[in-house]
Amino acid sequence: MYDLTDRDKSILSAIIQEYVSTGEPVGSRLVSRKYVQTISAATVRNVMADLEDMGLLYQPHVSAGRIPTPEGFRYYLNDTIEIKKLSKSDKSMISRHLAKTQGNLMSSLREASCLLSQISHNASIIIFPSTDTILFKRIDFVRLDETRILVILVSRTGMVYNHIVHGDNITQERLSGYSNYLNDSYADLSIHEMRDMLLKQMTSEKAEFDSLVRQAINLGMTALDTVDDVPDIYIQGKERVFNSPELADLDKLRDIVSAFEDKGRMVGILNRVLEIPGVKVFLGEDLETAGMGDFSMVASGYCRNDVPVGSLGVIGPIRMDYSRVIPLVGYMARAISDLLEDL
């Protein structure tokens, strides 16, 4: 689509690097002096004009330098970017902090989100695994009042799901008996497998003649049917985005605040990374439907037994330092996947 020479690419890359660093329009003299000393400022200026005609740069006003467009960033990401290696100190910090969570997945994911935000200096987002992907460890029923029962589901990875179901006035002693039966019979199955087995057991001979078994299965099915299967989202470091110069425009600030509050929008974007392995970058028109057209997201799925179960990413202005954020997101996704393999 764009027929750029090596010289064009080097000048575009220089402008993007400088803009990422400063957030200011970039002039031809600075590019010539700092990045491409063998090319005159006049030649750089001509190339910048050509890049602007192609839609890869734009000039905010006549006397200003140029700023990369989302298309300019997209070309840079696809063709000229040099991805840095994640530093040993960052890797060490990630390993050290995740080790402190002692294999508790919920804690590990929250810690990973904090680290992504801290290291990238942007906001981070993580979608927790859906309940159908977790391995069941135990279930407890707690009587709240005459009609409400608190269900506590605990996964092998340490994630806890609480929700309320409605039932007859069952004593706590009977509820504990139901919990014991389900825990003895269905531990270490996925929620999906547990649901299938409960359906089969409902018509079994044992359920027909054993009142405790029948009632435990019925309550177990009620508990699983009301498990909310919309993935939980954890967002960290929103203030880093709110403080960016790009949000001096109040309308843009409202858009990004609205996007952060609408979890459905975030899930829709992050679910797309599960379709393609590796790190994916969304920017410009990719995020317009989510109200974040002036921002970008670097995201990746994480897996259990090579099956994608959740996703994580970094959200920030389009002038993000992709050469550093892309390897960070990729490394964190692999770290979480490795942790899931051991649980």
Foldseek 3Di string as FASTA:
>chain_A
DDDDDPVLLQLLVLQLVVCLVPVFADALCCCCVPRPVVDDSVVSVVSQVVCVVVVQWDAPDDVGHIDGDLVVLVCCVVPPDDFDAADPVLVVVLVVCLVVVVQQLVSNVVSLQVSLCVVQLFKKKKWAFFQQPFFWQFWAWDDDDQFKIWIWTATPSGDIDIDIDTDGRDDNVLRVLLRVVLNVPRGRHGLVVSLVVLVVVCPDPCLVPPVSSNVSSVVSNRVSVPGDRDTDMDMPDNVSACPDPVCPPVLLSVLVVQLVVPVVLVCVLFVVQQVDAAKDKDEAPSCVVSSNNQKMKIKHFADEPPHGRIMMIGIHGSSGPCSHSRNSRRVSSDVSNVSNNVD
